[in-house]
Every structure is written in structure tokens, then in C-alpha cells.
Amino acid sequence: MSLHPDLEAFLDLAQDGQDAGQPALHQLTPVEARAIFEQTTAQLRWDAPQDLDVLEINTPARDGAPLALRLYRPSGATAPIPVLVYFHGGGFVVGSLDSHDGVCREFCRRTPCAVLSVGYRLAPEHRFPTALEDGEDALFWLAEQALALGLDVGRVAFGGDSAGATLATVLALQAVVQPHTVAIVPKVQLLCYPVTDASRAHDSRLLFSEGYLLENDTLDWFYQHYARSPEDLLDWRFSPLLAEDLRGVAPAIVLLAGFDPLLDEGQAYVDKLRAQGVSVELEQCPGLTHDLLRLASVMPDVLSVHESLSRALSRHLN
């Protein structure tokens, strides 16, 4: 297994920056880290589909605070259309509707389906389980507004990448074990390099601890900001691999990267789903790293991953 050559060159440039004194995310304050993450997003922007209808939405969360949503729809789509509810990555601390705008546009255009991107609130200002509760509130909003917007709540996927995939898989499990907390039962979950076990360091976290975009120290920094106490890391809503019973959850489409510190816990979650009778379609990218879906400007080959995931989504939703 070897790194994709384009990605290897990109990582060399990133290492040169660190050697020149550019700090890693975990060496910054959360506010500084968010600014750097958005700056990097602008540098990584690619020619994502623009022929979409995009609606900016603000709705109150359960505590009255504004919850930002962004709804993407294929132009000219015939209602009612299926929906992917998408949660961006960023370790619960960084990331935004804008940082994953291109990813949502690719899924919207290629599946095709509507994509509801959820701008959940970030830690440490809003610690566990606020992000999850914002996800629940977004689902209740969707259930209430779907008919007026021409969306089909009978054909919904919960999806996300990294920490966002954690939110998606927890909500999919809640739809089975705590149905009163979510308004919609998904047909499928789309889990891209998910965080599934923050309670311990799996082997891949040690093997790929530095130099592969997501660093082990940064993961610890994320979890320290999101958790209220060390006990939160043992809560299945924080670490879904620790959930005892996964039977009955929606089928999963899972994307894993070969040079990702989260590889082992992602594979462990796939294995546990399958052992409990849940259908899993596994997409493996052995030469790539964490956050690969946002790297199309570095590696145009990534667009084939978007296409493959979108075809799988389409099979489940259409």
C-alpha cells in the first residue's frame, strides 16, 4: 500500500509548512483553528456543480438559538425528491456549511437528491451532546417542512464525514432505540471515515499519528473540547462502536481511507454492523487519507469516489 502520488506531494508541502513553523490545529485556539480550516477550504476549492438551487435557512434549535441549514436541490427535479441529511466533519470544533459546500454539491448533483446540510453548533462553546441535539432538531424541521419543499421523508439518508459521520450513525441508531428523539427513519446511512470510538487509541491512530493530514494529537484536542468529562467518551452517542445492539439500523455505505488514523475504528464498526445483520457496502481507498472528499483539487481521482458513493446512495433512495 502506497500513498497516491499527488497526495504525497501535497503532504510534503504541508510538512514543509510545519517545518517552517506553521502550527498544527491542536496548537491553536478553537477560533484560530476555525479560521485556518476555512482558509484551507478556500485553497482546496474545486469546480463543484453550480447548476443547483440553494436555499439558506435559519430555524430555532430547542433552546431558541439559531440553527443554520442549507438545502441543495437539483435544478428541475420533479417533486417529491429524496434527501441526504449531511453533517460536516471537523472534530466537533471546526468546519461549517461552507467548508463542505463542494461535497454537498457533488452528492446533490450526482445522486441526484436534495442535500440538507446541518450547521450544528461547535465545541468548546457548545459541548456534547449539543451537536447531536442540533441534528435531532434539524430532522424535526425537515419532517415538518418536507411537504412544502417537495421533499420525500420516506426516502432519507443520514450522512456525514469524520465527526459528522458520527452524528449520522448515532441518529440512525436513535431512530431504532430512541425513536422519540428523531422524527425520521433513514433508509440508509452514509458514513465517510467516521469517528466511532473516542474511548481509546486503535492501532491505526498510532501508525498514522503524524504526517497524514489528521494527527493523533489533534484528535485528542477535538475530543477534549467536545467532551464535558472523560466519561462522555464512553457514551455510545459519542463513541457508537460501544453501542451493544446495532440490530435493525439502516443499511450503511461506509468509506474508509488507508492512511487514516480512524481506519481501524471505522473497520471495527463495519465488522460489528455486519455481525449484527446490518447490510454494509464498504468503499475502500487504500492510497488516500482522512478528509479525502474535499481533496478533488489535489487529486481529480477523488471525483470517482464521489461518483461511486452517489451511485450507492441512488440505489438505496431511488
C-alpha atoms as a PDB file:
ATOM      1  CA  MET A   1       0.000   0.000   0.000  1.00  0.00           C
ATOM      2  CA  SER A   2       1.425   3.369  -1.022  1.00  0.00           C
ATOM      3  CA  LEU A   3       0.171   6.923  -0.965  1.00  0.00           C
ATOM      4  CA  HIS A   4      -1.404   8.394  -4.076  1.00  0.00           C
ATOM      5  CA  PRO A   5       1.464  10.350  -5.732  1.00  0.00           C
ATOM      6  CA  ASP A   6      -0.491  13.613  -5.958  1.00  0.00           C
ATOM      7  CA  LEU A   7      -1.428  13.317  -2.304  1.00  0.00           C
ATOM      8  CA  GLU A   8       2.153  12.535  -1.319  1.00  0.00           C
ATOM      9  CA  ALA A   9       3.307  15.774  -2.939  1.00  0.00           C
ATOM     10  CA  PHE A  10       0.541  17.689  -1.164  1.00  0.00           C
ATOM     11  CA  LEU A  11       1.526  16.208   2.190  1.00  0.00           C
ATOM     12  CA  ASP A  12       5.160  17.117   1.554  1.00  0.00           C
ATOM     13  CA  LEU A  13       4.104  20.746   1.080  1.00  0.00           C
ATOM     14  CA  ALA A  14       2.076  20.617   4.284  1.00  0.00           C
ATOM     15  CA  GLN A  15       5.089  19.205   6.141  1.00  0.00           C
ATOM     16  CA  ASP A  16       7.277  21.978   4.733  1.00  0.00           C
ATOM     17  CA  GLY A  17       4.819  24.459   6.242  1.00  0.00           C
ATOM     18  CA  GLN A  18       5.074  22.817   9.661  1.00  0.00           C
ATOM     19  CA  ASP A  19       8.855  22.717   9.405  1.00  0.00           C
ATOM     20  CA  ALA A  20       8.733  26.457   8.721  1.00  0.00           C
ATOM     21  CA  GLY A  21       6.829  26.976  11.963  1.00  0.00           C
ATOM     22  CA  GLN A  22       3.200  26.792  10.826  1.00  0.00           C
ATOM     23  CA  PRO A  23       1.286  25.381  13.815  1.00  0.00           C
ATOM     24  CA  ALA A  24      -0.903  22.280  13.721  1.00  0.00           C
ATOM     25  CA  LEU A  25      -4.592  22.669  14.581  1.00  0.00           C
ATOM     26  CA  HIS A  26      -4.098  21.351  18.107  1.00  0.00           C
ATOM     27  CA  GLN A  27      -1.561  24.116  18.753  1.00  0.00           C
ATOM     28  CA  LEU A  28      -4.166  26.804  18.085  1.00  0.00           C
ATOM     29  CA  THR A  29      -7.197  28.119  19.903  1.00  0.00           C
ATOM     30  CA  PRO A  30     -10.537  26.883  18.533  1.00  0.00           C
ATOM     31  CA  VAL A  31     -11.215  30.294  16.987  1.00  0.00           C
ATOM     32  CA  GLU A  32      -7.809  30.312  15.292  1.00  0.00           C
ATOM     33  CA  ALA A  33      -8.253  26.716  14.144  1.00  0.00           C
ATOM     34  CA  ARG A  34     -11.613  27.530  12.545  1.00  0.00           C
ATOM     35  CA  ALA A  35     -10.094  30.441  10.642  1.00  0.00           C
ATOM     36  CA  ILE A  36      -7.247  28.273   9.345  1.00  0.00           C
ATOM     37  CA  PHE A  37      -9.674  25.492   8.390  1.00  0.00           C
ATOM     38  CA  GLU A  38     -11.832  27.906   6.366  1.00  0.00           C
ATOM     39  CA  GLN A  39      -8.725  29.429   4.756  1.00  0.00           C
ATOM     40  CA  THR A  40      -7.577  25.961   3.719  1.00  0.00           C
ATOM     41  CA  THR A  41     -11.074  25.276   2.367  1.00  0.00           C
ATOM     42  CA  ALA A  42     -10.766  28.264   0.039  1.00  0.00           C
ATOM     43  CA  GLN A  43      -7.401  26.978  -1.190  1.00  0.00           C
ATOM     44  CA  LEU A  44      -8.827  23.488  -1.825  1.00  0.00           C
ATOM     45  CA  ARG A  45     -11.941  24.651  -3.686  1.00  0.00           C
ATOM     46  CA  TRP A  46     -12.650  22.784  -6.913  1.00  0.00           C
ATOM     47  CA  ASP A  47     -15.152  23.233  -9.728  1.00  0.00           C
ATOM     48  CA  ALA A  48     -18.073  21.632  -7.913  1.00  0.00           C
ATOM     49  CA  PRO A  49     -21.517  21.628  -9.622  1.00  0.00           C
ATOM     50  CA  GLN A  50     -23.191  25.037  -9.741  1.00  0.00           C
ATOM     51  CA  ASP A  51     -26.426  24.148 -11.552  1.00  0.00           C
ATOM     52  CA  LEU A  52     -28.306  23.658  -8.277  1.00  0.00           C
ATOM     53  CA  ASP A  53     -30.973  25.500  -6.330  1.00  0.00           C
ATOM     54  CA  VAL A  54     -29.595  26.505  -2.919  1.00  0.00           C
ATOM     55  CA  LEU A  55     -31.689  27.785  -0.030  1.00  0.00           C
ATOM     56  CA  GLU A  56     -30.228  29.266   3.171  1.00  0.00           C
ATOM     57  CA  ILE A  57     -32.362  28.509   6.221  1.00  0.00           C
ATOM     58  CA  ASN A  58     -32.317  29.586   9.860  1.00  0.00           C
ATOM     59  CA  THR A  59     -34.545  27.766  12.303  1.00  0.00           C
ATOM     60  CA  PRO A  60     -34.554  27.840  16.110  1.00  0.00           C
ATOM     61  CA  ALA A  61     -32.938  24.995  17.997  1.00  0.00           C
ATOM     62  CA  ARG A  62     -34.679  23.650  21.113  1.00  0.00           C
ATOM     63  CA  ASP A  63     -33.061  26.318  23.291  1.00  0.00           C
ATOM     64  CA  GLY A  64     -34.068  29.120  20.919  1.00  0.00           C
ATOM     65  CA  ALA A  65     -30.589  29.611  19.453  1.00  0.00           C
ATOM     66  CA  PRO A  66     -30.427  29.924  15.653  1.00  0.00           C
ATOM     67  CA  LEU A  67     -29.616  26.723  13.769  1.00  0.00           C
ATOM     68  CA  ALA A  68     -28.244  27.241  10.262  1.00  0.00           C
ATOM     69  CA  LEU A  69     -29.258  24.827   7.496  1.00  0.00           C
ATOM     70  CA  ARG A  70     -28.508  24.842   3.779  1.00  0.00           C
ATOM     71  CA  LEU A  71     -30.736  22.984   1.325  1.00  0.00           C
ATOM     72  CA  TYR A  72     -29.376  21.979  -2.091  1.00  0.00           C
ATOM     73  CA  ARG A  73     -31.734  20.746  -4.806  1.00  0.00           C
ATOM     74  CA  PRO A  74     -31.056  19.602  -8.370  1.00  0.00           C
ATOM     75  CA  SER A  75     -32.431  22.162 -10.804  1.00  0.00           C
ATOM     76  CA  GLY A  76     -35.624  20.972 -12.446  1.00  0.00           C
ATOM     77  CA  ALA A  77     -36.028  17.938 -10.186  1.00  0.00           C
ATOM     78  CA  THR A  78     -39.559  16.535 -10.024  1.00  0.00           C
ATOM     79  CA  ALA A  79     -41.028  16.536  -6.506  1.00  0.00           C
ATOM     80  CA  PRO A  80     -41.038  14.738  -4.188  1.00  0.00           C
ATOM     81  CA  ILE A  81     -37.293  14.113  -4.187  1.00  0.00           C
ATOM     82  CA  PRO A  82     -35.168  12.066  -1.761  1.00  0.00           C
ATOM     83  CA  VAL A  83     -32.934  13.796   0.785  1.00  0.00           C
ATOM     84  CA  LEU A  84     -29.453  13.299   2.181  1.00  0.00           C
ATOM     85  CA  VAL A  85     -29.164  14.979   5.592  1.00  0.00           C
ATOM     86  CA  TYR A  86     -25.452  15.801   5.763  1.00  0.00           C
ATOM     87  CA  PHE A  87     -23.238  16.603   8.763  1.00  0.00           C
ATOM     88  CA  HIS A  88     -19.836  18.126   8.033  1.00  0.00           C
ATOM     89  CA  GLY A  89     -16.604  16.923   9.587  1.00  0.00           C
ATOM     90  CA  GLY A  90     -14.221  18.893  11.756  1.00  0.00           C
ATOM     91  CA  GLY A  91     -13.919  17.098  15.065  1.00  0.00           C
ATOM     92  CA  PHE A  92     -16.958  18.901  16.509  1.00  0.00           C
ATOM     93  CA  VAL A  93     -14.705  22.004  16.802  1.00  0.00           C
ATOM     94  CA  VAL A  94     -14.057  23.267  13.247  1.00  0.00           C
ATOM     95  CA  GLY A  95     -15.912  23.025   9.933  1.00  0.00           C
ATOM     96  CA  SER A  96     -19.034  24.707   8.608  1.00  0.00           C
ATOM     97  CA  LEU A  97     -21.668  24.726   5.915  1.00  0.00           C
ATOM     98  CA  ASP A  98     -19.084  26.469   3.701  1.00  0.00           C
ATOM     99  CA  SER A  99     -16.204  24.053   4.376  1.00  0.00           C
ATOM    100  CA  HIS A 100     -18.227  21.156   2.947  1.00  0.00           C
ATOM    101  CA  ASP A 101     -20.195  23.072   0.319  1.00  0.00           C
ATOM    102  CA  GLY A 102     -18.407  21.298  -2.533  1.00  0.00           C
ATOM    103  CA  VAL A 103     -19.002  17.862  -1.019  1.00  0.00           C
ATOM    104  CA  CYS A 104     -22.737  18.547  -0.685  1.00  0.00           C
ATOM    105  CA  ARG A 105     -22.909  19.855  -4.243  1.00  0.00           C
ATOM    106  CA  GLU A 106     -21.293  16.687  -5.590  1.00  0.00           C
ATOM    107  CA  PHE A 107     -23.770  14.423  -3.783  1.00  0.00           C
ATOM    108  CA  CYS A 108     -26.728  16.580  -4.809  1.00  0.00           C
ATOM    109  CA  ARG A 109     -25.831  16.595  -8.499  1.00  0.00           C
ATOM    110  CA  ARG A 110     -24.519  13.052  -8.848  1.00  0.00           C
ATOM    111  CA  THR A 111     -27.118  11.044  -6.875  1.00  0.00           C
ATOM    112  CA  PRO A 112     -29.309  13.123  -7.657  1.00  0.00           C
ATOM    113  CA  CYS A 113     -31.071  14.108  -4.450  1.00  0.00           C
ATOM    114  CA  ALA A 114     -31.682  17.075  -2.215  1.00  0.00           C
ATOM    115  CA  VAL A 115     -28.990  17.622   0.419  1.00  0.00           C
ATOM    116  CA  LEU A 116     -29.802  19.264   3.737  1.00  0.00           C
ATOM    117  CA  SER A 117     -26.515  20.387   5.270  1.00  0.00           C
ATOM    118  CA  VAL A 118     -26.691  20.969   9.031  1.00  0.00           C
ATOM    119  CA  GLY A 119     -24.691  23.796  10.618  1.00  0.00           C
ATOM    120  CA  TYR A 120     -24.651  22.290  14.099  1.00  0.00           C
ATOM    121  CA  ARG A 121     -23.019  24.305  16.874  1.00  0.00           C
ATOM    122  CA  LEU A 122     -19.372  23.704  17.694  1.00  0.00           C
ATOM    123  CA  ALA A 123     -17.308  22.971  20.793  1.00  0.00           C
ATOM    124  CA  PRO A 124     -15.977  24.084  23.198  1.00  0.00           C
ATOM    125  CA  GLU A 125     -18.657  26.780  23.275  1.00  0.00           C
ATOM    126  CA  HIS A 126     -21.242  24.028  22.806  1.00  0.00           C
ATOM    127  CA  ARG A 127     -20.128  20.701  24.225  1.00  0.00           C
ATOM    128  CA  PHE A 128     -21.560  17.191  23.923  1.00  0.00           C
ATOM    129  CA  PRO A 129     -24.392  16.479  23.229  1.00  0.00           C
ATOM    130  CA  THR A 130     -25.302  19.865  21.674  1.00  0.00           C
ATOM    131  CA  ALA A 131     -24.196  18.917  18.143  1.00  0.00           C
ATOM    132  CA  LEU A 132     -26.304  15.773  18.329  1.00  0.00           C
ATOM    133  CA  GLU A 133     -29.331  17.659  19.658  1.00  0.00           C
ATOM    134  CA  ASP A 134     -28.961  20.169  16.814  1.00  0.00           C
ATOM    135  CA  GLY A 135     -29.066  17.192  14.447  1.00  0.00           C
ATOM    136  CA  GLU A 136     -32.260  15.967  16.083  1.00  0.00           C
ATOM    137  CA  ASP A 137     -33.789  19.434  15.753  1.00  0.00           C
ATOM    138  CA  ALA A 138     -32.820  19.588  12.074  1.00  0.00           C
ATOM    139  CA  LEU A 139     -34.632  16.295  11.474  1.00  0.00           C
ATOM    140  CA  PHE A 140     -37.794  17.584  13.164  1.00  0.00           C
ATOM    141  CA  TRP A 141     -37.594  20.701  10.983  1.00  0.00           C
ATOM    142  CA  LEU A 142     -37.269  18.511   7.875  1.00  0.00           C
ATOM    143  CA  ALA A 143     -40.237  16.371   8.878  1.00  0.00           C
ATOM    144  CA  GLU A 144     -42.382  19.494   9.317  1.00  0.00           C
ATOM    145  CA  GLN A 145     -41.273  21.314   6.151  1.00  0.00           C
ATOM    146  CA  ALA A 146     -40.702  18.461   3.694  1.00  0.00           C
ATOM    147  CA  LEU A 147     -44.120  18.541   2.035  1.00  0.00           C
ATOM    148  CA  ALA A 148     -43.969  22.275   1.377  1.00  0.00           C
ATOM    149  CA  LEU A 149     -40.457  21.931  -0.055  1.00  0.00           C
ATOM    150  CA  GLY A 150     -41.228  18.929  -2.261  1.00  0.00           C
ATOM    151  CA  LEU A 151     -39.030  16.559  -0.261  1.00  0.00           C
ATOM    152  CA  ASP A 152     -39.782  12.889   0.368  1.00  0.00           C
ATOM    153  CA  VAL A 153     -39.300  11.984   4.050  1.00  0.00           C
ATOM    154  CA  GLY A 154     -39.843   8.337   3.133  1.00  0.00           C
ATOM    155  CA  ARG A 155     -36.542   8.403   1.228  1.00  0.00           C
ATOM    156  CA  VAL A 156     -33.958   9.969   3.537  1.00  0.00           C
ATOM    157  CA  ALA A 157     -30.288   9.196   4.140  1.00  0.00           C
ATOM    158  CA  PHE A 158     -28.286  10.314   7.161  1.00  0.00           C
ATOM    159  CA  GLY A 159     -24.688  11.031   6.175  1.00  0.00           C
ATOM    160  CA  GLY A 160     -21.507  12.825   7.009  1.00  0.00           C
ATOM    161  CA  ASP A 161     -17.755  12.639   7.182  1.00  0.00           C
ATOM    162  CA  SER A 162     -15.471  12.213  10.198  1.00  0.00           C
ATOM    163  CA  ALA A 163     -17.229  13.665  13.261  1.00  0.00           C
ATOM    164  CA  GLY A 164     -20.227  14.391  11.038  1.00  0.00           C
ATOM    165  CA  ALA A 165     -20.432  10.683  10.213  1.00  0.00           C
ATOM    166  CA  THR A 166     -20.533  10.031  13.958  1.00  0.00           C
ATOM    167  CA  LEU A 167     -23.598  12.256  14.257  1.00  0.00           C
ATOM    168  CA  ALA A 168     -25.208  10.498  11.286  1.00  0.00           C
ATOM    169  CA  THR A 169     -24.676   7.000  12.639  1.00  0.00           C
ATOM    170  CA  VAL A 170     -25.825   7.905  16.153  1.00  0.00           C
ATOM    171  CA  LEU A 171     -29.011   9.455  14.769  1.00  0.00           C
ATOM    172  CA  ALA A 172     -29.586   6.337  12.657  1.00  0.00           C
ATOM    173  CA  LEU A 173     -29.245   4.209  15.798  1.00  0.00           C
ATOM    174  CA  GLN A 174     -31.511   6.526  17.782  1.00  0.00           C
ATOM    175  CA  ALA A 175     -34.177   6.018  15.112  1.00  0.00           C
ATOM    176  CA  VAL A 176     -34.273   2.387  16.321  1.00  0.00           C
ATOM    177  CA  VAL A 177     -33.613   2.558  20.065  1.00  0.00           C
ATOM    178  CA  GLN A 178     -34.878   6.091  20.882  1.00  0.00           C
ATOM    179  CA  PRO A 179     -37.406   6.847  18.119  1.00  0.00           C
ATOM    180  CA  HIS A 180     -38.943   9.726  20.093  1.00  0.00           C
ATOM    181  CA  THR A 181     -35.689  11.705  19.649  1.00  0.00           C
ATOM    182  CA  VAL A 182     -35.751  11.747  15.839  1.00  0.00           C
ATOM    183  CA  ALA A 183     -38.631  12.478  13.521  1.00  0.00           C
ATOM    184  CA  ILE A 184     -37.408  10.447  10.538  1.00  0.00           C
ATOM    185  CA  VAL A 185     -36.269   6.866   9.990  1.00  0.00           C
ATOM    186  CA  PRO A 186     -33.475   6.756   7.387  1.00  0.00           C
ATOM    187  CA  LYS A 187     -33.350   4.266   4.534  1.00  0.00           C
ATOM    188  CA  VAL A 188     -29.537   4.312   4.536  1.00  0.00           C
ATOM    189  CA  GLN A 189     -26.571   5.867   6.337  1.00  0.00           C
ATOM    190  CA  LEU A 190     -23.539   7.276   4.509  1.00  0.00           C
ATOM    191  CA  LEU A 191     -20.504   7.154   6.812  1.00  0.00           C
ATOM    192  CA  CYS A 192     -17.284   8.608   5.435  1.00  0.00           C
ATOM    193  CA  TYR A 193     -14.221   7.839   7.598  1.00  0.00           C
ATOM    194  CA  PRO A 194     -16.286   8.065  10.798  1.00  0.00           C
ATOM    195  CA  VAL A 195     -15.186   8.580  14.391  1.00  0.00           C
ATOM    196  CA  THR A 196     -16.657   5.522  16.119  1.00  0.00           C
ATOM    197  CA  ASP A 197     -14.540   5.097  19.259  1.00  0.00           C
ATOM    198  CA  ALA A 198     -13.045   8.069  21.078  1.00  0.00           C
ATOM    199  CA  SER A 199     -12.537   5.976  24.208  1.00  0.00           C
ATOM    200  CA  ARG A 200      -9.174   4.516  23.168  1.00  0.00           C
ATOM    201  CA  ALA A 201      -6.449   4.743  20.531  1.00  0.00           C
ATOM    202  CA  HIS A 202      -6.726   1.949  17.968  1.00  0.00           C
ATOM    203  CA  ASP A 203      -3.574   0.796  16.186  1.00  0.00           C
ATOM    204  CA  SER A 204      -4.117   2.996  13.121  1.00  0.00           C
ATOM    205  CA  ARG A 205      -4.135   6.088  15.332  1.00  0.00           C
ATOM    206  CA  LEU A 206      -0.599   5.220  16.392  1.00  0.00           C
ATOM    207  CA  LEU A 207       0.556   4.087  12.944  1.00  0.00           C
ATOM    208  CA  PHE A 208      -0.649   7.268  11.211  1.00  0.00           C
ATOM    209  CA  SER A 209      -0.250   9.612  14.172  1.00  0.00           C
ATOM    210  CA  GLU A 210       1.618  12.325  12.218  1.00  0.00           C
ATOM    211  CA  GLY A 211       2.016  13.449   8.649  1.00  0.00           C
ATOM    212  CA  TYR A 212      -1.298  12.283   7.173  1.00  0.00           C
ATOM    213  CA  LEU A 213      -3.471  15.427   7.476  1.00  0.00           C
ATOM    214  CA  LEU A 214      -5.262  14.324  10.654  1.00  0.00           C
ATOM    215  CA  GLU A 215      -2.905  13.911  13.602  1.00  0.00           C
ATOM    216  CA  ASN A 216      -3.365  11.886  16.764  1.00  0.00           C
ATOM    217  CA  ASP A 217      -2.776  14.943  18.958  1.00  0.00           C
ATOM    218  CA  THR A 218      -5.432  16.833  17.006  1.00  0.00           C
ATOM    219  CA  LEU A 219      -7.958  14.053  17.644  1.00  0.00           C
ATOM    220  CA  ASP A 220      -7.297  14.270  21.373  1.00  0.00           C
ATOM    221  CA  TRP A 221      -7.646  18.064  21.168  1.00  0.00           C
ATOM    222  CA  PHE A 222     -11.014  17.700  19.422  1.00  0.00           C
ATOM    223  CA  TYR A 223     -12.332  15.236  21.990  1.00  0.00           C
ATOM    224  CA  GLN A 224     -11.141  17.314  24.947  1.00  0.00           C
ATOM    225  CA  HIS A 225     -13.037  20.307  23.594  1.00  0.00           C
ATOM    226  CA  TYR A 226     -16.236  18.374  22.816  1.00  0.00           C
ATOM    227  CA  ALA A 227     -16.492  16.191  25.930  1.00  0.00           C
ATOM    228  CA  ARG A 228     -17.829  17.604  29.193  1.00  0.00           C
ATOM    229  CA  SER A 229     -15.887  14.967  31.133  1.00  0.00           C
ATOM    230  CA  PRO A 230     -13.819  11.835  30.367  1.00  0.00           C
ATOM    231  CA  GLU A 231     -16.961   9.745  30.958  1.00  0.00           C
ATOM    232  CA  ASP A 232     -18.542  11.223  27.828  1.00  0.00           C
ATOM    233  CA  LEU A 233     -16.021   9.324  25.704  1.00  0.00           C
ATOM    234  CA  LEU A 234     -17.658   6.092  26.911  1.00  0.00           C
ATOM    235  CA  ASP A 235     -21.162   7.195  25.904  1.00  0.00           C
ATOM    236  CA  TRP A 236     -22.323   5.386  22.742  1.00  0.00           C
ATOM    237  CA  ARG A 237     -23.638   8.697  21.448  1.00  0.00           C
ATOM    238  CA  PHE A 238     -20.008   9.885  21.439  1.00  0.00           C
ATOM    239  CA  SER A 239     -18.427   6.511  20.544  1.00  0.00           C
ATOM    240  CA  PRO A 240     -21.051   4.473  18.633  1.00  0.00           C
ATOM    241  CA  LEU A 241     -18.767   1.426  18.436  1.00  0.00           C
ATOM    242  CA  LEU A 242     -19.543   0.994  22.148  1.00  0.00           C
ATOM    243  CA  ALA A 243     -23.279   0.562  21.488  1.00  0.00           C
ATOM    244  CA  GLU A 244     -24.199  -3.015  22.377  1.00  0.00           C
ATOM    245  CA  ASP A 245     -27.086  -3.597  19.975  1.00  0.00           C
ATOM    246  CA  LEU A 246     -26.976  -2.331  16.373  1.00  0.00           C
ATOM    247  CA  ARG A 247     -29.648  -4.675  15.038  1.00  0.00           C
ATOM    248  CA  GLY A 248     -32.270  -3.028  12.876  1.00  0.00           C
ATOM    249  CA  VAL A 249     -30.343   0.122  11.971  1.00  0.00           C
ATOM    250  CA  ALA A 250     -30.422   1.325   8.390  1.00  0.00           C
ATOM    251  CA  PRO A 251     -28.040  -0.222   5.856  1.00  0.00           C
ATOM    252  CA  ALA A 252     -24.699   1.576   5.700  1.00  0.00           C
ATOM    253  CA  ILE A 253     -22.444   2.846   2.943  1.00  0.00           C
ATOM    254  CA  VAL A 254     -19.015   3.263   4.534  1.00  0.00           C
ATOM    255  CA  LEU A 255     -15.940   4.979   3.086  1.00  0.00           C
ATOM    256  CA  LEU A 256     -12.541   4.251   4.673  1.00  0.00           C
ATOM    257  CA  ALA A 257      -9.091   5.603   3.789  1.00  0.00           C
ATOM    258  CA  GLY A 258      -5.933   3.515   4.070  1.00  0.00           C
ATOM    259  CA  PHE A 259      -3.744   6.235   5.624  1.00  0.00           C
ATOM    260  CA  ASP A 260      -6.263   7.472   8.164  1.00  0.00           C
ATOM    261  CA  PRO A 261      -5.786   7.282  11.947  1.00  0.00           C
ATOM    262  CA  LEU A 262      -9.516   6.449  12.112  1.00  0.00           C
ATOM    263  CA  LEU A 263      -9.176   3.441   9.791  1.00  0.00           C
ATOM    264  CA  ASP A 264      -9.253   0.709  12.440  1.00  0.00           C
ATOM    265  CA  GLU A 265     -12.235   2.016  14.371  1.00  0.00           C
ATOM    266  CA  GLY A 266     -14.117   2.529  11.112  1.00  0.00           C
ATOM    267  CA  GLN A 267     -13.398  -1.062  10.083  1.00  0.00           C
ATOM    268  CA  ALA A 268     -14.384  -2.268  13.553  1.00  0.00           C
ATOM    269  CA  TYR A 269     -17.752  -0.540  13.170  1.00  0.00           C
ATOM    270  CA  VAL A 270     -18.258  -2.153   9.746  1.00  0.00           C
ATOM    271  CA  ASP A 271     -17.465  -5.547  11.264  1.00  0.00           C
ATOM    272  CA  LYS A 272     -19.873  -5.000  14.158  1.00  0.00           C
ATOM    273  CA  LEU A 273     -22.689  -3.889  11.857  1.00  0.00           C
ATOM    274  CA  ARG A 274     -22.232  -6.960   9.669  1.00  0.00           C
ATOM    275  CA  ALA A 275     -22.006  -9.288  12.682  1.00  0.00           C
ATOM    276  CA  GLN A 276     -25.412  -7.998  13.821  1.00  0.00           C
ATOM    277  CA  GLY A 277     -27.062  -8.463  10.444  1.00  0.00           C
ATOM    278  CA  VAL A 278     -26.822  -4.933   9.058  1.00  0.00           C
ATOM    279  CA  SER A 279     -26.039  -4.635   5.343  1.00  0.00           C
ATOM    280  CA  VAL A 280     -22.822  -2.682   4.657  1.00  0.00           C
ATOM    281  CA  GLU A 281     -21.358  -1.510   1.348  1.00  0.00           C
ATOM    282  CA  LEU A 282     -17.689  -0.758   2.006  1.00  0.00           C
ATOM    283  CA  GLU A 283     -15.748   1.624  -0.243  1.00  0.00           C
ATOM    284  CA  GLN A 284     -12.011   1.433   0.437  1.00  0.00           C
ATOM    285  CA  CYS A 285      -9.427   3.974  -0.710  1.00  0.00           C
ATOM    286  CA  PRO A 286      -6.128   2.369   0.311  1.00  0.00           C
ATOM    287  CA  GLY A 287      -3.826   5.107  -1.009  1.00  0.00           C
ATOM    288  CA  LEU A 288      -5.714   8.066   0.425  1.00  0.00           C
ATOM    289  CA  THR A 289      -6.047   9.914   3.733  1.00  0.00           C
ATOM    290  CA  HIS A 290      -8.702  11.334   6.001  1.00  0.00           C
ATOM    291  CA  ASP A 291     -10.763  14.213   4.531  1.00  0.00           C
ATOM    292  CA  LEU A 292     -10.324  12.831   1.023  1.00  0.00           C
ATOM    293  CA  LEU A 293     -13.739  14.024  -0.183  1.00  0.00           C
ATOM    294  CA  ARG A 294     -12.518  17.635  -0.006  1.00  0.00           C
ATOM    295  CA  LEU A 295      -9.314  16.963  -1.977  1.00  0.00           C
ATOM    296  CA  ALA A 296     -10.591  16.931  -5.569  1.00  0.00           C
ATOM    297  CA  SER A 297      -8.395  19.916  -6.438  1.00  0.00           C
ATOM    298  CA  VAL A 298      -5.348  17.945  -5.278  1.00  0.00           C
ATOM    299  CA  MET A 299      -6.435  14.614  -6.779  1.00  0.00           C
ATOM    300  CA  PRO A 300      -9.087  14.711  -9.524  1.00  0.00           C
ATOM    301  CA  ASP A 301      -9.412  10.930  -8.970  1.00  0.00           C
ATOM    302  CA  VAL A 302     -11.413  11.782  -5.837  1.00  0.00           C
ATOM    303  CA  LEU A 303     -14.365  12.668  -8.066  1.00  0.00           C
ATOM    304  CA  SER A 304     -14.659   8.971  -8.936  1.00  0.00           C
ATOM    305  CA  VAL A 305     -15.151   8.302  -5.209  1.00  0.00           C
ATOM    306  CA  HIS A 306     -17.938  10.887  -5.126  1.00  0.00           C
ATOM    307  CA  GLU A 307     -19.491   9.152  -8.123  1.00  0.00           C
ATOM    308  CA  SER A 308     -19.277   5.693  -6.576  1.00  0.00           C
ATOM    309  CA  LEU A 309     -20.802   6.819  -3.276  1.00  0.00           C
ATOM    310  CA  SER A 310     -23.538   8.707  -5.127  1.00  0.00           C
ATOM    311  CA  ARG A 311     -24.464   5.638  -7.172  1.00  0.00           C
ATOM    312  CA  ALA A 312     -24.747   3.632  -3.958  1.00  0.00           C
ATOM    313  CA  LEU A 313     -26.934   6.342  -2.419  1.00  0.00           C
ATOM    314  CA  SER A 314     -29.114   6.386  -5.507  1.00  0.00           C
ATOM    315  CA  ARG A 315     -29.698   2.632  -5.301  1.00  0.00           C
ATOM    316  CA  HIS A 316     -30.996   2.995  -1.746  1.00  0.00           C
ATOM    317  CA  LEU A 317     -33.020   6.184  -2.255  1.00  0.00           C
ATOM    318  CA  ASN A 318     -34.479   5.649  -5.715  1.00  0.00           C
END
